[in-house]
Amino acid sequence: MQLGTPYSINVFNLLGQQLFKWKLNDSATKDYLGRALAVLNNDELVVTDRTNKRFSIYSFTGELLRSVRCEEIGTDRFTLCHAGGDSIIVTNCEASHELFKFNLATGAVEWRSNSV
């Protein structure tokens, strides 16, 4: 992710060749974090939208595929990691140091831990 207004996403293959570049132009999603990204199933990108408490899922060409509400996210910084299937691990990098597994298909928190 390249910071600026608007943010831009650059997609590269493992050889370092740029495959796609697109801009996040969604005016309703102003509070992205570069570290809060995850790739799902090699063809979707999950971006944390802290302002609207949701995860936005994009194709690698920049098409917004869907958004999933998540009340667990707020103004703290988060990191994301793909956990297989439609699930991601979300880690709070600030005060609570909490992590949880979130299912993007169902919108449910599958488990949570405070021992990070």
C-alpha atoms as a PDB file:
ATOM      1  CA  MET A   1       0.000   0.000   0.000  1.00  0.00           C
ATOM      2  CA  GLN A   2       1.265   3.433  -0.875  1.00  0.00           C
ATOM      3  CA  LEU A   3       0.152   6.209   1.461  1.00  0.00           C
ATOM      4  CA  GLY A   4      -1.194   9.482   0.109  1.00  0.00           C
ATOM      5  CA  THR A   5      -4.501  10.831  -1.071  1.00  0.00           C
ATOM      6  CA  PRO A   6      -5.906   8.634  -2.436  1.00  0.00           C
ATOM      7  CA  TYR A   7      -4.050   5.547  -1.248  1.00  0.00           C
ATOM      8  CA  SER A   8      -2.801   3.266  -3.989  1.00  0.00           C
ATOM      9  CA  ILE A   9      -2.377  -0.493  -4.012  1.00  0.00           C
ATOM     10  CA  ASN A  10       0.440  -2.132  -5.957  1.00  0.00           C
ATOM     11  CA  VAL A  11       0.219  -5.885  -6.599  1.00  0.00           C
ATOM     12  CA  PHE A  12       3.453  -7.725  -7.441  1.00  0.00           C
ATOM     13  CA  ASN A  13       4.233 -11.362  -8.171  1.00  0.00           C
ATOM     14  CA  LEU A  14       7.022 -13.200  -6.339  1.00  0.00           C
ATOM     15  CA  LEU A  15       9.509 -12.160  -9.039  1.00  0.00           C
ATOM     16  CA  GLY A  16       8.864  -8.500  -8.224  1.00  0.00           C
ATOM     17  CA  GLN A  17       6.913  -7.794 -11.407  1.00  0.00           C
ATOM     18  CA  GLN A  18       4.044  -5.358 -10.948  1.00  0.00           C
ATOM     19  CA  LEU A  19       0.763  -7.001 -11.913  1.00  0.00           C
ATOM     20  CA  PHE A  20      -1.758  -4.310 -10.983  1.00  0.00           C
ATOM     21  CA  LYS A  21      -1.908  -0.815  -9.535  1.00  0.00           C
ATOM     22  CA  TRP A  22      -5.107   0.863  -8.403  1.00  0.00           C
ATOM     23  CA  LYS A  23      -6.285   3.601  -6.088  1.00  0.00           C
ATOM     24  CA  LEU A  24      -8.665   3.382  -3.130  1.00  0.00           C
ATOM     25  CA  ASN A  25     -11.171   6.035  -4.156  1.00  0.00           C
ATOM     26  CA  ASP A  26     -13.966   5.070  -1.770  1.00  0.00           C
ATOM     27  CA  SER A  27     -14.621   8.372   0.029  1.00  0.00           C
ATOM     28  CA  ALA A  28     -16.446   6.520   2.827  1.00  0.00           C
ATOM     29  CA  THR A  29     -13.261   4.658   3.774  1.00  0.00           C
ATOM     30  CA  LYS A  30     -10.748   7.268   4.875  1.00  0.00           C
ATOM     31  CA  ASP A  31      -8.845   5.504   7.640  1.00  0.00           C
ATOM     32  CA  TYR A  32      -6.869   2.602   6.156  1.00  0.00           C
ATOM     33  CA  LEU A  33      -3.603   1.362   7.581  1.00  0.00           C
ATOM     34  CA  GLY A  34      -0.861  -0.020   5.373  1.00  0.00           C
ATOM     35  CA  ARG A  35      -0.092  -2.812   7.802  1.00  0.00           C
ATOM     36  CA  ALA A  36      -3.717  -3.922   8.041  1.00  0.00           C
ATOM     37  CA  LEU A  37      -3.812  -5.909   4.812  1.00  0.00           C
ATOM     38  CA  ALA A  38      -4.151  -9.621   4.114  1.00  0.00           C
ATOM     39  CA  VAL A  39      -4.341 -11.705   0.950  1.00  0.00           C
ATOM     40  CA  LEU A  40      -7.074 -14.352   0.822  1.00  0.00           C
ATOM     41  CA  ASN A  41      -6.870 -17.425  -1.383  1.00  0.00           C
ATOM     42  CA  ASN A  42      -4.308 -15.756  -3.683  1.00  0.00           C
ATOM     43  CA  ASP A  43      -6.879 -13.520  -5.371  1.00  0.00           C
ATOM     44  CA  GLU A  44      -8.515 -11.193  -2.840  1.00  0.00           C
ATOM     45  CA  LEU A  45      -7.130  -8.393  -0.679  1.00  0.00           C
ATOM     46  CA  VAL A  46      -8.611  -7.593   2.737  1.00  0.00           C
ATOM     47  CA  VAL A  47      -8.198  -3.999   3.935  1.00  0.00           C
ATOM     48  CA  THR A  48      -9.167  -2.787   7.411  1.00  0.00           C
ATOM     49  CA  ASP A  49     -11.473   0.232   7.417  1.00  0.00           C
ATOM     50  CA  ARG A  50     -11.242   1.495  11.003  1.00  0.00           C
ATOM     51  CA  THR A  51     -13.500   4.493  10.398  1.00  0.00           C
ATOM     52  CA  ASN A  52     -16.463   2.309   9.441  1.00  0.00           C
ATOM     53  CA  LYS A  53     -15.544  -0.756  11.555  1.00  0.00           C
ATOM     54  CA  ARG A  54     -15.418  -3.117   8.628  1.00  0.00           C
ATOM     55  CA  PHE A  55     -13.165  -5.193   6.439  1.00  0.00           C
ATOM     56  CA  SER A  56     -13.306  -4.363   2.744  1.00  0.00           C
ATOM     57  CA  ILE A  57     -12.450  -7.185   0.348  1.00  0.00           C
ATOM     58  CA  TYR A  58     -11.088  -6.241  -3.090  1.00  0.00           C
ATOM     59  CA  SER A  59     -10.036  -8.135  -6.190  1.00  0.00           C
ATOM     60  CA  PHE A  60      -6.424  -7.583  -7.228  1.00  0.00           C
ATOM     61  CA  THR A  61      -7.703  -5.332 -10.014  1.00  0.00           C
ATOM     62  CA  GLY A  62      -9.322  -2.975  -7.484  1.00  0.00           C
ATOM     63  CA  GLU A  63     -12.955  -4.043  -7.638  1.00  0.00           C
ATOM     64  CA  LEU A  64     -14.690  -3.850  -4.242  1.00  0.00           C
ATOM     65  CA  LEU A  65     -16.153  -7.341  -3.845  1.00  0.00           C
ATOM     66  CA  ARG A  66     -17.790  -6.992  -0.439  1.00  0.00           C
ATOM     67  CA  SER A  67     -17.527  -5.391   2.979  1.00  0.00           C
ATOM     68  CA  VAL A  68     -17.978  -7.166   6.285  1.00  0.00           C
ATOM     69  CA  ARG A  69     -18.863  -5.280   9.452  1.00  0.00           C
ATOM     70  CA  CYS A  70     -16.687  -5.997  12.506  1.00  0.00           C
ATOM     71  CA  GLU A  71     -17.522  -4.217  15.762  1.00  0.00           C
ATOM     72  CA  GLU A  72     -14.253  -5.495  17.241  1.00  0.00           C
ATOM     73  CA  ILE A  73     -12.127  -3.022  15.305  1.00  0.00           C
ATOM     74  CA  GLY A  74     -11.839   0.622  16.208  1.00  0.00           C
ATOM     75  CA  THR A  75      -9.206   3.325  16.157  1.00  0.00           C
ATOM     76  CA  ASP A  76      -6.300   1.138  17.328  1.00  0.00           C
ATOM     77  CA  ARG A  77      -3.733  -0.204  14.872  1.00  0.00           C
ATOM     78  CA  PHE A  78      -4.238  -3.753  13.663  1.00  0.00           C
ATOM     79  CA  THR A  79      -2.356  -6.337  11.681  1.00  0.00           C
ATOM     80  CA  LEU A  80      -4.021  -9.075   9.647  1.00  0.00           C
ATOM     81  CA  CYS A  81      -2.988 -12.568   8.661  1.00  0.00           C
ATOM     82  CA  HIS A  82      -4.882 -15.064   6.504  1.00  0.00           C
ATOM     83  CA  ALA A  83      -5.887 -18.082   8.589  1.00  0.00           C
ATOM     84  CA  GLY A  84      -7.224 -20.279   5.766  1.00  0.00           C
ATOM     85  CA  GLY A  85     -10.547 -20.231   3.970  1.00  0.00           C
ATOM     86  CA  ASP A  86     -12.498 -17.069   4.754  1.00  0.00           C
ATOM     87  CA  SER A  87     -10.842 -16.465   8.125  1.00  0.00           C
ATOM     88  CA  ILE A  88      -8.254 -13.930   9.217  1.00  0.00           C
ATOM     89  CA  ILE A  89      -6.303 -13.420  12.425  1.00  0.00           C
ATOM     90  CA  VAL A  90      -6.609  -9.839  13.678  1.00  0.00           C
ATOM     91  CA  THR A  91      -4.027  -8.539  16.155  1.00  0.00           C
ATOM     92  CA  ASN A  92      -4.457  -5.291  18.072  1.00  0.00           C
ATOM     93  CA  CYS A  93      -1.020  -3.629  18.090  1.00  0.00           C
ATOM     94  CA  GLU A  94      -1.846  -1.045  20.715  1.00  0.00           C
ATOM     95  CA  ALA A  95      -3.391  -1.007  24.183  1.00  0.00           C
ATOM     96  CA  SER A  96      -5.207  -4.343  24.472  1.00  0.00           C
ATOM     97  CA  HIS A  97      -2.705  -6.543  22.565  1.00  0.00           C
ATOM     98  CA  GLU A  98      -5.648  -8.806  21.853  1.00  0.00           C
ATOM     99  CA  LEU A  99      -5.972 -11.132  18.900  1.00  0.00           C
ATOM    100  CA  PHE A 100      -8.965 -12.889  17.442  1.00  0.00           C
ATOM    101  CA  LYS A 101      -9.929 -15.081  14.522  1.00  0.00           C
ATOM    102  CA  PHE A 102     -12.621 -13.497  12.368  1.00  0.00           C
ATOM    103  CA  ASN A 103     -14.672 -15.265   9.714  1.00  0.00           C
ATOM    104  CA  LEU A 104     -15.293 -12.965   6.745  1.00  0.00           C
ATOM    105  CA  ALA A 105     -18.078 -15.214   5.393  1.00  0.00           C
ATOM    106  CA  THR A 106     -20.177 -15.255   8.565  1.00  0.00           C
ATOM    107  CA  GLY A 107     -19.019 -12.051  10.290  1.00  0.00           C
ATOM    108  CA  ALA A 108     -18.365 -14.008  13.478  1.00  0.00           C
ATOM    109  CA  VAL A 109     -15.441 -13.919  15.888  1.00  0.00           C
ATOM    110  CA  GLU A 110     -14.443 -17.594  16.100  1.00  0.00           C
ATOM    111  CA  TRP A 111     -12.060 -17.218  19.050  1.00  0.00           C
ATOM    112  CA  ARG A 112     -10.213 -14.557  21.003  1.00  0.00           C
ATOM    113  CA  SER A 113      -7.080 -14.332  23.162  1.00  0.00           C
ATOM    114  CA  ASN A 114      -5.571 -11.660  25.382  1.00  0.00           C
ATOM    115  CA  SER A 115      -2.230 -13.413  25.721  1.00  0.00           C
ATOM    116  CA  VAL A 116      -0.254 -11.792  22.910  1.00  0.00           C
END
